[in-house]
């Protein structure tokens, strides 16, 4: 119950009372209200107007990179270079 009340600490008693009354008016409300249900009544989510779909411009690929290619290392090699030898061994065993 303490967690329940902690979640409602920023809600005024009047707001909470109105939210409980609104909750009881719903025919599908048969159990004690959850915090999220009460907070949704107190602070309803904003209603956004229907926005028609729009066409996004076609993506044009970026030009290929030029210059020297970086030297790639395996995961096991990076682990060894950073001193994680056992993890590198486990990585290699798992990859076989």
N, C-alpha and C. Protein backbone atom coordinates (compact mmCIF):
# COMPACT_ATOMS: atom_id res chain seq x y z
N UNK A 1 0.81 -1.19 0.00
CA UNK A 1 0.00 0.00 0.00
C UNK A 1 0.87 1.26 0.00
N UNK A 2 2.04 1.17 0.64
CA UNK A 2 2.94 2.33 0.69
C UNK A 2 3.40 2.70 -0.72
N UNK A 3 3.72 1.71 -1.55
CA UNK A 3 4.12 1.99 -2.93
C UNK A 3 2.97 2.64 -3.69
N UNK A 4 1.76 2.17 -3.44
CA UNK A 4 0.58 2.70 -4.09
C UNK A 4 0.45 4.19 -3.78
N UNK A 5 0.61 4.53 -2.50
CA UNK A 5 0.47 5.93 -2.08
C UNK A 5 1.65 6.78 -2.55
N UNK A 6 2.85 6.20 -2.60
CA UNK A 6 4.01 6.95 -3.09
C UNK A 6 3.82 7.40 -4.53
N UNK A 7 3.15 6.56 -5.34
CA UNK A 7 2.92 6.92 -6.74
C UNK A 7 1.90 8.04 -6.87
N UNK A 8 1.06 8.21 -5.88
CA UNK A 8 0.02 9.23 -5.93
C UNK A 8 0.34 10.47 -5.11
N UNK A 9 1.58 10.61 -4.67
CA UNK A 9 1.94 11.71 -3.77
C UNK A 9 1.74 13.08 -4.43
N UNK A 10 1.85 13.18 -5.74
CA UNK A 10 1.72 14.47 -6.41
C UNK A 10 0.29 14.77 -6.85
N UNK A 11 -0.65 13.90 -6.51
CA UNK A 11 -2.04 14.07 -6.91
C UNK A 11 -2.81 14.64 -5.73
N UNK A 12 -3.62 15.64 -5.99
CA UNK A 12 -4.41 16.22 -4.90
C UNK A 12 -5.55 15.28 -4.53
N UNK A 13 -6.03 15.37 -3.30
CA UNK A 13 -7.16 14.52 -2.89
C UNK A 13 -8.40 14.71 -3.77
N UNK A 14 -8.65 15.94 -4.19
CA UNK A 14 -9.81 16.20 -5.06
C UNK A 14 -9.66 15.49 -6.40
N UNK A 15 -8.47 15.56 -6.97
CA UNK A 15 -8.23 14.87 -8.25
C UNK A 15 -8.39 13.37 -8.08
N UNK A 16 -7.89 12.84 -7.00
CA UNK A 16 -7.98 11.41 -6.75
C UNK A 16 -9.43 10.97 -6.57
N UNK A 17 -10.20 11.77 -5.85
CA UNK A 17 -11.61 11.45 -5.64
C UNK A 17 -12.38 11.47 -6.96
N UNK A 18 -12.13 12.48 -7.79
CA UNK A 18 -12.80 12.55 -9.10
C UNK A 18 -12.40 11.38 -9.98
N UNK A 19 -11.12 11.01 -9.94
CA UNK A 19 -10.65 9.89 -10.76
C UNK A 19 -11.30 8.59 -10.31
N UNK A 20 -11.44 8.40 -9.01
CA UNK A 20 -12.10 7.18 -8.50
C UNK A 20 -13.56 7.14 -8.92
N UNK A 21 -14.24 8.30 -8.88
CA UNK A 21 -15.64 8.34 -9.32
C UNK A 21 -15.75 8.01 -10.80
N UNK A 22 -14.85 8.57 -11.61
CA UNK A 22 -14.85 8.27 -13.05
C UNK A 22 -14.57 6.79 -13.29
N UNK A 23 -13.67 6.24 -12.52
CA UNK A 23 -13.30 4.83 -12.67
C UNK A 23 -14.50 3.94 -12.37
N UNK A 24 -15.28 4.28 -11.31
CA UNK A 24 -16.43 3.46 -10.93
C UNK A 24 -17.56 3.55 -11.95
N UNK A 25 -17.61 4.61 -12.74
CA UNK A 25 -18.67 4.77 -13.75
C UNK A 25 -18.50 3.80 -14.92
N UNK A 26 -17.27 3.35 -15.14
CA UNK A 26 -17.02 2.44 -16.27
C UNK A 26 -17.58 1.06 -15.94
N UNK A 27 -18.36 0.48 -16.84
CA UNK A 27 -18.94 -0.84 -16.55
C UNK A 27 -17.90 -1.96 -16.44
N UNK A 28 -16.77 -1.82 -17.10
CA UNK A 28 -15.75 -2.88 -17.04
C UNK A 28 -14.88 -2.79 -15.79
N UNK A 29 -15.10 -1.78 -14.96
CA UNK A 29 -14.32 -1.59 -13.74
C UNK A 29 -14.93 -2.42 -12.62
N UNK A 30 -14.35 -3.59 -12.36
CA UNK A 30 -14.87 -4.45 -11.30
C UNK A 30 -13.89 -4.60 -10.15
N UNK A 31 -12.64 -4.25 -10.36
CA UNK A 31 -11.62 -4.41 -9.34
C UNK A 31 -11.15 -3.05 -8.85
N UNK A 32 -10.30 -3.07 -7.84
CA UNK A 32 -9.69 -1.85 -7.33
C UNK A 32 -8.84 -1.23 -8.44
N UNK A 33 -8.88 0.08 -8.65
CA UNK A 33 -8.14 0.67 -9.77
C UNK A 33 -6.63 0.58 -9.59
N UNK A 34 -5.96 0.37 -10.70
CA UNK A 34 -4.50 0.40 -10.69
C UNK A 34 -4.05 1.85 -10.76
N UNK A 35 -2.82 2.08 -10.34
CA UNK A 35 -2.27 3.44 -10.35
C UNK A 35 -2.33 4.03 -11.75
N UNK A 36 -1.91 3.25 -12.74
CA UNK A 36 -1.89 3.75 -14.11
C UNK A 36 -3.27 4.15 -14.60
N UNK A 37 -4.29 3.41 -14.19
CA UNK A 37 -5.65 3.74 -14.60
C UNK A 37 -6.10 5.07 -13.99
N UNK A 38 -5.78 5.27 -12.72
CA UNK A 38 -6.15 6.53 -12.08
C UNK A 38 -5.38 7.71 -12.68
N UNK A 39 -4.08 7.51 -12.90
CA UNK A 39 -3.28 8.59 -13.47
C UNK A 39 -3.70 8.92 -14.89
N UNK A 40 -4.16 7.91 -15.64
CA UNK A 40 -4.65 8.16 -17.01
C UNK A 40 -5.93 8.99 -16.98
N UNK A 41 -6.75 8.81 -15.95
CA UNK A 41 -7.96 9.62 -15.84
C UNK A 41 -7.60 11.04 -15.41
N UNK A 42 -6.65 11.16 -14.51
CA UNK A 42 -6.25 12.49 -14.01
C UNK A 42 -5.51 13.27 -15.09
N UNK A 43 -4.57 12.63 -15.75
CA UNK A 43 -3.77 13.27 -16.81
C UNK A 43 -3.93 12.47 -18.10
N UNK A 44 -5.02 12.70 -18.83
CA UNK A 44 -5.22 11.91 -20.04
C UNK A 44 -4.13 12.20 -21.08
N UNK A 45 -3.86 11.19 -21.88
CA UNK A 45 -2.86 11.35 -22.95
C UNK A 45 -3.39 12.35 -23.96
N UNK A 46 -2.52 13.17 -24.52
CA UNK A 46 -2.99 14.15 -25.50
C UNK A 46 -3.53 13.45 -26.75
N UNK A 47 -4.58 14.01 -27.29
CA UNK A 47 -5.16 13.47 -28.51
C UNK A 47 -4.59 14.23 -29.70
N UNK A 48 -3.93 13.51 -30.57
CA UNK A 48 -3.33 14.13 -31.74
C UNK A 48 -4.27 14.00 -32.92
N UNK A 49 -4.35 15.03 -33.73
CA UNK A 49 -5.22 14.93 -34.90
C UNK A 49 -4.66 13.89 -35.88
N UNK A 50 -5.56 13.35 -36.68
CA UNK A 50 -5.11 12.39 -37.68
C UNK A 50 -4.22 13.12 -38.69
N UNK A 51 -3.01 12.66 -38.78
CA UNK A 51 -2.06 13.27 -39.71
C UNK A 51 -1.96 12.35 -40.91
N UNK A 52 -2.23 12.88 -42.09
CA UNK A 52 -2.17 12.00 -43.26
C UNK A 52 -0.74 11.52 -43.50
N UNK A 53 -0.59 10.31 -44.01
CA UNK A 53 0.76 9.82 -44.29
C UNK A 53 1.42 10.68 -45.36
N UNK A 54 2.69 10.78 -45.27
CA UNK A 54 3.41 11.58 -46.27
C UNK A 54 4.51 10.74 -46.88
N UNK A 55 4.84 11.10 -48.05
CA UNK A 55 5.92 10.40 -48.74
C UNK A 55 7.25 11.02 -48.35
N UNK A 56 8.12 10.18 -47.89
CA UNK A 56 9.46 10.65 -47.58
C UNK A 56 10.30 10.59 -48.85
N UNK A 57 11.24 11.48 -49.00
CA UNK A 57 12.08 11.43 -50.20
C UNK A 57 12.88 10.13 -50.23
N UNK A 58 13.10 9.65 -51.42
CA UNK A 58 13.87 8.42 -51.60
C UNK A 58 15.29 8.64 -51.11
N UNK A 59 15.80 7.67 -50.36
CA UNK A 59 17.16 7.77 -49.85
C UNK A 59 18.14 7.54 -50.99
N UNK A 60 19.06 8.43 -51.11
CA UNK A 60 20.12 8.27 -52.11
C UNK A 60 21.38 7.91 -51.34
N UNK A 61 21.97 6.83 -51.74
CA UNK A 61 23.12 6.35 -50.98
C UNK A 61 24.26 7.37 -51.00
N UNK A 62 24.99 7.36 -49.93
CA UNK A 62 26.13 8.27 -49.82
C UNK A 62 27.26 7.76 -50.71
N UNK A 63 28.10 8.66 -51.17
CA UNK A 63 29.21 8.20 -52.00
C UNK A 63 30.13 7.28 -51.21
N UNK A 64 30.77 6.40 -51.92
CA UNK A 64 31.68 5.45 -51.27
C UNK A 64 32.83 6.20 -50.60
N UNK A 65 33.23 5.70 -49.46
CA UNK A 65 34.35 6.31 -48.76
C UNK A 65 35.64 5.98 -49.48
N UNK A 66 36.53 6.93 -49.47
CA UNK A 66 37.83 6.70 -50.11
C UNK A 66 38.90 6.78 -49.04
N UNK A 67 40.06 6.30 -49.38
CA UNK A 67 41.15 6.35 -48.44
C UNK A 67 41.47 4.96 -47.91
N UNK A 68 42.43 4.89 -47.00
CA UNK A 68 42.83 3.58 -46.49
C UNK A 68 41.71 2.96 -45.63
N UNK A 69 41.55 1.67 -45.77
CA UNK A 69 40.56 0.96 -44.98
C UNK A 69 41.15 0.63 -43.62
N UNK A 70 40.35 0.73 -42.57
CA UNK A 70 40.88 0.41 -41.24
C UNK A 70 41.14 -1.08 -41.11
N UNK A 71 42.13 -1.40 -40.32
CA UNK A 71 42.45 -2.80 -40.08
C UNK A 71 41.46 -3.34 -39.06
N UNK A 72 40.71 -4.35 -39.47
CA UNK A 72 39.70 -4.92 -38.58
C UNK A 72 40.31 -6.02 -37.73
N UNK A 73 39.87 -6.10 -36.46
CA UNK A 73 40.33 -7.14 -35.57
C UNK A 73 39.13 -7.96 -35.11
N UNK A 74 39.37 -9.20 -34.81
CA UNK A 74 38.30 -10.05 -34.31
C UNK A 74 37.97 -9.66 -32.87
N UNK A 75 36.81 -10.11 -32.41
CA UNK A 75 36.41 -9.84 -31.03
C UNK A 75 37.42 -10.48 -30.07
N UNK A 76 37.83 -11.69 -30.39
CA UNK A 76 38.80 -12.38 -29.54
C UNK A 76 40.10 -11.58 -29.45
N UNK A 77 40.54 -11.00 -30.56
CA UNK A 77 41.77 -10.23 -30.55
C UNK A 77 41.63 -8.97 -29.70
N UNK A 78 40.49 -8.31 -29.79
CA UNK A 78 40.26 -7.12 -28.97
C UNK A 78 40.26 -7.51 -27.49
N UNK A 79 39.62 -8.64 -27.16
CA UNK A 79 39.63 -9.09 -25.77
C UNK A 79 41.04 -9.37 -25.28
N UNK A 80 41.84 -10.00 -26.12
CA UNK A 80 43.24 -10.28 -25.72
C UNK A 80 44.03 -8.99 -25.55
N UNK A 81 43.82 -8.04 -26.47
CA UNK A 81 44.56 -6.78 -26.41
C UNK A 81 44.22 -5.99 -25.14
N UNK A 82 43.03 -6.22 -24.60
CA UNK A 82 42.63 -5.50 -23.39
C UNK A 82 42.85 -6.33 -22.13
N UNK A 83 43.50 -7.50 -22.25
CA UNK A 83 43.86 -8.30 -21.10
C UNK A 83 42.82 -9.31 -20.65
N UNK A 84 41.79 -9.54 -21.45
CA UNK A 84 40.74 -10.49 -21.09
C UNK A 84 40.99 -11.81 -21.83
N UNK A 85 42.03 -12.52 -21.41
CA UNK A 85 42.46 -13.72 -22.12
C UNK A 85 41.45 -14.87 -22.00
N UNK A 86 40.90 -15.08 -20.81
CA UNK A 86 39.93 -16.17 -20.63
C UNK A 86 38.67 -15.90 -21.45
N UNK A 87 38.22 -14.66 -21.48
CA UNK A 87 37.03 -14.32 -22.26
C UNK A 87 37.29 -14.52 -23.75
N UNK A 88 38.52 -14.20 -24.19
CA UNK A 88 38.87 -14.41 -25.60
C UNK A 88 38.85 -15.89 -25.95
N UNK A 89 39.35 -16.72 -25.03
CA UNK A 89 39.32 -18.17 -25.28
C UNK A 89 37.89 -18.68 -25.34
N UNK A 90 37.04 -18.22 -24.41
CA UNK A 90 35.64 -18.65 -24.43
C UNK A 90 34.94 -18.19 -25.71
N UNK A 91 35.28 -17.00 -26.18
CA UNK A 91 34.67 -16.48 -27.42
C UNK A 91 35.05 -17.36 -28.60
N UNK A 92 36.31 -17.72 -28.67
CA UNK A 92 36.74 -18.55 -29.79
C UNK A 92 36.15 -19.95 -29.72
N UNK A 93 36.01 -20.50 -28.51
CA UNK A 93 35.41 -21.84 -28.39
C UNK A 93 33.95 -21.80 -28.80
N UNK A 94 33.25 -20.74 -28.41
CA UNK A 94 31.84 -20.60 -28.75
C UNK A 94 31.61 -20.37 -30.22
N UNK A 95 32.59 -19.84 -30.93
CA UNK A 95 32.43 -19.53 -32.36
C UNK A 95 32.72 -20.73 -33.26
N UNK A 96 33.26 -21.80 -32.70
CA UNK A 96 33.63 -22.96 -33.53
C UNK A 96 32.45 -23.87 -33.74
